[in-house]
PDB file of N, CA and C in Angstrom:
ATOM      1  N   MET A   1      59.601  98.434  79.946  1.00  0.00           N
ATOM      2  CA  MET A   1      60.325  98.090  80.816  1.00  0.00           C
ATOM      3  C   MET A   1      59.171  98.453  82.003  1.00  0.00           C
ATOM      4  N   ALA A   2      58.543  99.130  82.131  1.00  0.00           N
ATOM      5  CA  ALA A   2      57.207  99.526  82.961  1.00  0.00           C
ATOM      6  C   ALA A   2      56.209  98.404  82.737  1.00  0.00           C
ATOM      7  N   GLY A   3      56.138  97.966  81.713  1.00  0.00           N
ATOM      8  CA  GLY A   3      54.919  96.744  81.919  1.00  0.00           C
ATOM      9  C   GLY A   3      55.664  95.933  82.558  1.00  0.00           C
ATOM     10  N   ASN A   4      56.612  95.307  81.961  1.00  0.00           N
ATOM     11  CA  ASN A   4      57.510  94.644  82.931  1.00  0.00           C
ATOM     12  C   ASN A   4      57.599  94.507  84.393  1.00  0.00           C
ATOM     13  N   LEU A   5      57.912  95.499  84.982  1.00  0.00           N
ATOM     14  CA  LEU A   5      57.708  96.107  86.345  1.00  0.00           C
ATOM     15  C   LEU A   5      56.302  95.671  86.965  1.00  0.00           C
ATOM     16  N   TYR A   6      55.549  96.178  85.828  1.00  0.00           N
ATOM     17  CA  TYR A   6      53.695  95.911  86.603  1.00  0.00           C
ATOM     18  C   TYR A   6      53.277  94.468  86.766  1.00  0.00           C
ATOM     19  N   TYR A   7      53.880  93.853  85.565  1.00  0.00           N
ATOM     20  CA  TYR A   7      53.859  92.627  85.699  1.00  0.00           C
ATOM     21  C   TYR A   7      53.902  91.501  87.087  1.00  0.00           C
ATOM     22  N   ALA A   8      55.418  92.105  87.156  1.00  0.00           N
ATOM     23  CA  ALA A   8      56.122  91.345  88.409  1.00  0.00           C
ATOM     24  C   ALA A   8      55.121  91.721  89.595  1.00  0.00           C
ATOM     25  N   TYR A   9      55.063  92.988  89.560  1.00  0.00           N
ATOM     26  CA  TYR A   9      54.338  93.618  90.724  1.00  0.00           C
ATOM     27  C   TYR A   9      52.880  92.990  90.933  1.00  0.00           C
ATOM     28  N   MET A  10      52.378  92.435  90.051  1.00  0.00           N
ATOM     29  CA  MET A  10      50.652  91.848  89.788  1.00  0.00           C
ATOM     30  C   MET A  10      51.391  90.472  90.644  1.00  0.00           C
ATOM     31  N   ALA A  11      52.405  89.838  89.759  1.00  0.00           N
ATOM     32  CA  ALA A  11      52.512  88.407  90.377  1.00  0.00           C
ATOM     33  C   ALA A  11      53.051  88.491  92.019  1.00  0.00           C
ATOM     34  N   SER A  12      53.583  89.409  92.136  1.00  0.00           N
ATOM     35  CA  SER A  12      53.585  89.712  93.382  1.00  0.00           C
ATOM     36  C   SER A  12      52.817  89.416  94.716  1.00  0.00           C
ATOM     37  N   ARG A  13      51.712  90.408  93.862  1.00  0.00           N
ATOM     38  CA  ARG A  13      50.730  90.200  94.912  1.00  0.00           C
ATOM     39  C   ARG A  13      49.658  89.258  94.819  1.00  0.00           C
ATOM     40  N   LEU A  14      49.768  88.621  94.015  1.00  0.00           N
ATOM     41  CA  LEU A  14      49.007  87.346  93.860  1.00  0.00           C
ATOM     42  C   LEU A  14      49.674  86.521  94.743  1.00  0.00           C
ATOM     43  N   ALA A  15      51.144  86.214  94.602  1.00  0.00           N
ATOM     44  CA  ALA A  15      51.650  85.028  95.572  1.00  0.00           C
ATOM     45  C   ALA A  15      51.793  85.695  97.364  1.00  0.00           C
ATOM     46  N   LYS A  16      51.224  86.515  97.212  1.00  0.00           N
ATOM     47  CA  LYS A  16      50.755  86.868  98.290  1.00  0.00           C
ATOM     48  C   LYS A  16      49.807  86.346  99.074  1.00  0.00           C
ATOM     49  N   LYS A  17      48.688  86.893  98.270  1.00  0.00           N
ATOM     50  CA  LYS A  17      47.496  86.850  98.053  1.00  0.00           C
ATOM     51  C   LYS A  17      47.192  85.361  98.365  1.00  0.00           C
ATOM     52  N   GLU A  18      47.787  84.383  97.590  1.00  0.00           N
ATOM     53  CA  GLU A  18      46.978  82.834  97.808  1.00  0.00           C
ATOM     54  C   GLU A  18      48.072  81.958  98.301  1.00  0.00           C
ATOM     55  N   ASN A  19      49.421  82.692  99.284  1.00  0.00           N
ATOM     56  CA  ASN A  19      49.997  82.102  99.725  1.00  0.00           C
ATOM     57  C   ASN A  19      50.813  81.143  99.179  1.00  0.00           C
ATOM     58  N   ARG A  20      51.473  81.751  97.830  1.00  0.00           N
ATOM     59  CA  ARG A  20      52.456  80.795  96.926  1.00  0.00           C
ATOM     60  C   ARG A  20      53.971  81.316  96.473  1.00  0.00           C
ATOM     61  N   SER A  21      54.355  80.284  96.281  1.00  0.00           N
ATOM     62  CA  SER A  21      55.911  80.672  96.253  1.00  0.00           C
ATOM     63  C   SER A  21      56.326  80.206  94.705  1.00  0.00           C
ATOM     64  N   ASP A  22      54.681  79.825  93.738  1.00  0.00           N
ATOM     65  CA  ASP A  22      55.268  79.681  92.685  1.00  0.00           C
ATOM     66  C   ASP A  22      54.922  80.313  91.646  1.00  0.00           C
ATOM     67  N   VAL A  23      54.415  81.539  91.875  1.00  0.00           N
ATOM     68  CA  VAL A  23      53.822  82.464  91.167  1.00  0.00           C
ATOM     69  C   VAL A  23      54.951  83.150  90.160  1.00  0.00           C
ATOM     70  N   THR A  24      54.867  83.007  88.972  1.00  0.00           N
ATOM     71  CA  THR A  24      55.579  84.199  87.566  1.00  0.00           C
ATOM     72  C   THR A  24      54.890  84.890  87.033  1.00  0.00           C
ATOM     73  N   ALA A  25      55.540  85.799  86.518  1.00  0.00           N
ATOM     74  CA  ALA A  25      55.274  86.780  85.841  1.00  0.00           C
ATOM     75  C   ALA A  25      55.463  86.674  84.163  1.00  0.00           C
ATOM     76  N   LEU A  26      54.393  86.865  83.080  1.00  0.00           N
ATOM     77  CA  LEU A  26      54.768  86.369  81.708  1.00  0.00           C
ATOM     78  C   LEU A  26      55.520  88.174  80.915  1.00  0.00           C
ATOM     79  N   SER A  27      56.760  87.931  80.452  1.00  0.00           N
ATOM     80  CA  SER A  27      56.890  89.294  80.232  1.00  0.00           C
ATOM     81  C   SER A  27      56.253  89.821  78.894  1.00  0.00           C
ATOM     82  N   TYR A  28      56.894  91.002  79.070  1.00  0.00           N
ATOM     83  CA  TYR A  28      56.016  92.248  78.589  1.00  0.00           C
ATOM     84  C   TYR A  28      56.709  92.887  77.340  1.00  0.00           C
ATOM     85  N   GLY A  29      56.273  92.832  75.897  1.00  0.00           N
ATOM     86  CA  GLY A  29      57.149  92.460  75.134  1.00  0.00           C
ATOM     87  C   GLY A  29      56.268  92.788  73.195  1.00  0.00           C
ATOM     88  N   VAL A  30      57.261  92.289  72.591  1.00  0.00           N
ATOM     89  CA  VAL A  30      56.955  92.252  71.397  1.00  0.00           C
ATOM     90  C   VAL A  30      57.036  90.755  71.371  1.00  0.00           C
ATOM     91  N   SER A  31      56.020  90.707  70.462  1.00  0.00           N
ATOM     92  CA  SER A  31      55.566  89.007  70.375  1.00  0.00           C
ATOM     93  C   SER A  31      55.880  88.542  68.848  1.00  0.00           C
ATOM     94  N   THR A  32      56.960  87.899  68.740  1.00  0.00           N
ATOM     95  CA  THR A  32      57.652  87.488  67.408  1.00  0.00           C
ATOM     96  C   THR A  32      56.403  86.867  65.871  1.00  0.00           C
ATOM     97  N   PRO A  33      55.560  85.805  67.273  1.00  0.00           N
ATOM     98  CA  PRO A  33      54.863  85.636  65.865  1.00  0.00           C
ATOM     99  C   PRO A  33      53.921  86.321  65.215  1.00  0.00           C
ATOM    100  N   VAL A  34      53.307  87.554  66.182  1.00  0.00           N
ATOM    101  CA  VAL A  34      52.524  88.907  66.068  1.00  0.00           C
ATOM    102  C   VAL A  34      52.943  89.214  65.155  1.00  0.00           C
ATOM    103  N   MET A  35      54.405  89.914  65.203  1.00  0.00           N
ATOM    104  CA  MET A  35      54.729  90.678  64.273  1.00  0.00           C
ATOM    105  C   MET A  35      55.043  90.000  62.506  1.00  0.00           C
ATOM    106  N   PHE A  36      55.180  88.773  62.670  1.00  0.00           N
ATOM    107  CA  PHE A  36      55.465  88.170  61.426  1.00  0.00           C
ATOM    108  C   PHE A  36      53.869  88.239  60.459  1.00  0.00           C
ATOM    109  N   VAL A  37      52.637  87.756  62.000  1.00  0.00           N
ATOM    110  CA  VAL A  37      51.768  88.189  61.433  1.00  0.00           C
ATOM    111  C   VAL A  37      51.073  89.901  60.602  1.00  0.00           C
ATOM    112  N   PHE A  38      51.278  90.304  61.441  1.00  0.00           N
ATOM    113  CA  PHE A  38      51.237  91.859  61.401  1.00  0.00           C
ATOM    114  C   PHE A  38      52.153  92.254  60.019  1.00  0.00           C
ATOM    115  N   LEU A  39      53.407  91.901  59.959  1.00  0.00           N
ATOM    116  CA  LEU A  39      54.024  92.045  58.539  1.00  0.00           C
ATOM    117  C   LEU A  39      53.606  91.566  57.569  1.00  0.00           C
ATOM    118  N   PHE A  40      53.281  90.472  57.318  1.00  0.00           N
ATOM    119  CA  PHE A  40      52.363  89.984  56.271  1.00  0.00           C
ATOM    120  C   PHE A  40      51.225  89.841  56.458  1.00  0.00           C
ATOM    121  N   GLY A  41      50.490  90.327  57.178  1.00  0.00           N
ATOM    122  CA  GLY A  41      49.194  90.445  56.773  1.00  0.00           C
ATOM    123  C   GLY A  41      48.291  91.939  56.887  1.00  0.00           C
ATOM    124  N   VAL A  42      49.094  92.541  57.384  1.00  0.00           N
ATOM    125  CA  VAL A  42      48.632  94.248  57.148  1.00  0.00           C
ATOM    126  C   VAL A  42      50.106  95.146  56.207  1.00  0.00           C
ATOM    127  N   LEU A  43      50.958  95.265  56.913  1.00  0.00           N
ATOM    128  CA  LEU A  43      51.984  96.171  56.068  1.00  0.00           C
ATOM    129  C   LEU A  43      52.092  95.764  54.858  1.00  0.00           C
ATOM    130  N   ALA A  44      52.902  94.537  54.390  1.00  0.00           N
ATOM    131  CA  ALA A  44      52.729  93.811  53.039  1.00  0.00           C
ATOM    132  C   ALA A  44      51.823  94.387  52.044  1.00  0.00           C
ATOM    133  N   PRO A  45      50.687  94.004  52.644  1.00  0.00           N
ATOM    134  CA  PRO A  45      49.370  94.278  51.666  1.00  0.00           C
ATOM    135  C   PRO A  45      49.090  95.544  51.169  1.00  0.00           C
ATOM    136  N   ALA A  46      49.766  96.300  52.382  1.00  0.00           N
ATOM    137  CA  ALA A  46      48.935  97.822  52.490  1.00  0.00           C
ATOM    138  C   ALA A  46      50.318  98.380  51.601  1.00  0.00           C
ATOM    139  N   LEU A  47      51.249  97.774  51.563  1.00  0.00           N
ATOM    140  CA  LEU A  47      52.626  98.867  50.770  1.00  0.00           C
ATOM    141  C   LEU A  47      51.618  97.762  49.013  1.00  0.00           C
ATOM    142  N   ALA A  48      51.764  96.636  48.753  1.00  0.00           N
ATOM    143  CA  ALA A  48      51.153  96.192  47.734  1.00  0.00           C
ATOM    144  C   ALA A  48      49.928  96.844  46.707  1.00  0.00           C
ATOM    145  N   ILE A  49      49.345  97.213  47.689  1.00  0.00           N
ATOM    146  CA  ILE A  49      48.418  97.887  47.306  1.00  0.00           C
ATOM    147  C   ILE A  49      48.379  99.722  46.942  1.00  0.00           C
ATOM    148  N   THR A  50      49.130 100.012  47.891  1.00  0.00           N
ATOM    149  CA  THR A  50      49.230 101.567  47.817  1.00  0.00           C
ATOM    150  C   THR A  50      50.628 101.921  47.074  1.00  0.00           C
ATOM    151  N   ASN A  51      51.456 100.890  46.822  1.00  0.00           N
ATOM    152  CA  ASN A  51      52.804 101.641  46.510  1.00  0.00           C
ATOM    153  C   ASN A  51      53.500 102.614  47.027  1.00  0.00           C
ATOM    154  N   ASP A  52      53.102 102.900  48.141  1.00  0.00           N
ATOM    155  CA  ASP A  52      53.726 103.895  48.946  1.00  0.00           C
ATOM    156  C   ASP A  52      54.246 103.677  50.071  1.00  0.00           C
ATOM    157  N   PRO A  53      55.506 103.440  50.480  1.00  0.00           N
ATOM    158  CA  PRO A  53      55.673 103.108  51.558  1.00  0.00           C
ATOM    159  C   PRO A  53      55.305 103.781  52.585  1.00  0.00           C
ATOM    160  N   ASP A  54      55.041 104.949  52.624  1.00  0.00           N
ATOM    161  CA  ASP A  54      54.800 106.101  53.691  1.00  0.00           C
ATOM    162  C   ASP A  54      53.244 106.282  54.128  1.00  0.00           C
ATOM    163  N   LEU A  55      52.539 105.731  52.823  1.00  0.00           N
ATOM    164  CA  LEU A  55      51.360 105.512  52.792  1.00  0.00           C
ATOM    165  C   LEU A  55      51.015 104.056  54.094  1.00  0.00           C
ATOM    166  N   ALA A  56      51.629 103.160  53.326  1.00  0.00           N
ATOM    167  CA  ALA A  56      51.611 101.972  53.875  1.00  0.00           C
ATOM    168  C   ALA A  56      51.842 102.042  55.734  1.00  0.00           C
ATOM    169  N   TRP A  57      52.885 102.281  55.673  1.00  0.00           N
ATOM    170  CA  TRP A  57      52.944 102.847  57.319  1.00  0.00           C
ATOM    171  C   TRP A  57      52.212 103.244  58.020  1.00  0.00           C
ATOM    172  N   LYS A  58      51.701 104.511  57.374  1.00  0.00           N
ATOM    173  CA  LYS A  58      50.358 105.371  58.565  1.00  0.00           C
ATOM    174  C   LYS A  58      49.398 103.932  58.174  1.00  0.00           C
ATOM    175  N   ILE A  59      49.253 103.485  57.393  1.00  0.00           N
ATOM    176  CA  ILE A  59      47.930 102.140  57.298  1.00  0.00           C
ATOM    177  C   ILE A  59      48.330 100.875  58.532  1.00  0.00           C
ATOM    178  N   ALA A  60      49.661 101.101  58.799  1.00  0.00           N
ATOM    179  CA  ALA A  60      50.026  99.870  59.833  1.00  0.00           C
ATOM    180  C   ALA A  60      50.068 100.471  60.883  1.00  0.00           C
ATOM    181  N   VAL A  61      50.441 101.726  61.622  1.00  0.00           N
ATOM    182  CA  VAL A  61      50.291 102.521  62.463  1.00  0.00           C
ATOM    183  C   VAL A  61      48.930 102.689  62.696  1.00  0.00           C
ATOM    184  N   ALA A  62      48.138 102.856  62.085  1.00  0.00           N
ATOM    185  CA  ALA A  62      46.586 102.828  62.554  1.00  0.00           C
ATOM    186  C   ALA A  62      46.017 101.376  62.941  1.00  0.00           C
ATOM    187  N   ALA A  63      46.218 100.679  62.069  1.00  0.00           N
ATOM    188  CA  ALA A  63      45.922  99.419  62.473  1.00  0.00           C
ATOM    189  C   ALA A  63      46.399  98.467  63.953  1.00  0.00           C
ATOM    190  N   ALA A  64      47.643  99.173  63.981  1.00  0.00           N
ATOM    191  CA  ALA A  64      48.467  99.191  65.309  1.00  0.00           C
ATOM    192  C   ALA A  64      47.283  99.499  66.525  1.00  0.00           C
ATOM    193  N   LEU A  65      47.210 100.896  66.317  1.00  0.00           N
ATOM    194  CA  LEU A  65      46.153 101.667  67.325  1.00  0.00           C
ATOM    195  C   LEU A  65      45.122 100.900  67.523  1.00  0.00           C
ATOM    196  N   SER A  66      44.612 100.796  66.413  1.00  0.00           N
ATOM    197  CA  SER A  66      42.840 100.165  66.363  1.00  0.00           C
ATOM    198  C   SER A  66      42.865  99.145  67.002  1.00  0.00           C
ATOM    199  N   ALA A  67      43.932  98.242  66.973  1.00  0.00           N
ATOM    200  CA  ALA A  67      43.613  96.466  67.531  1.00  0.00           C
ATOM    201  C   ALA A  67      43.610  96.531  68.919  1.00  0.00           C
ATOM    202  N   ASP A  68      44.129  97.187  69.423  1.00  0.00           N
ATOM    203  CA  ASP A  68      43.812  97.541  70.999  1.00  0.00           C
ATOM    204  C   ASP A  68      42.650  97.588  71.072  1.00  0.00           C
TER     205      ASP A  68
END
């Protein structure tokens, strides 16, 4: 929710700066296509290689934190 509020604030600032009324803010949150890529590109291979769900989850968390 904080991300959405921040983006709305930034859109409001841009609208005022450029004297426009057609500025919008993109929603901030989970991207479904990215989730499928992550699931089938990171989590599933990690599980297939390690055969350990806990270790696969830890690998996925590490990948998610290092992606930013």
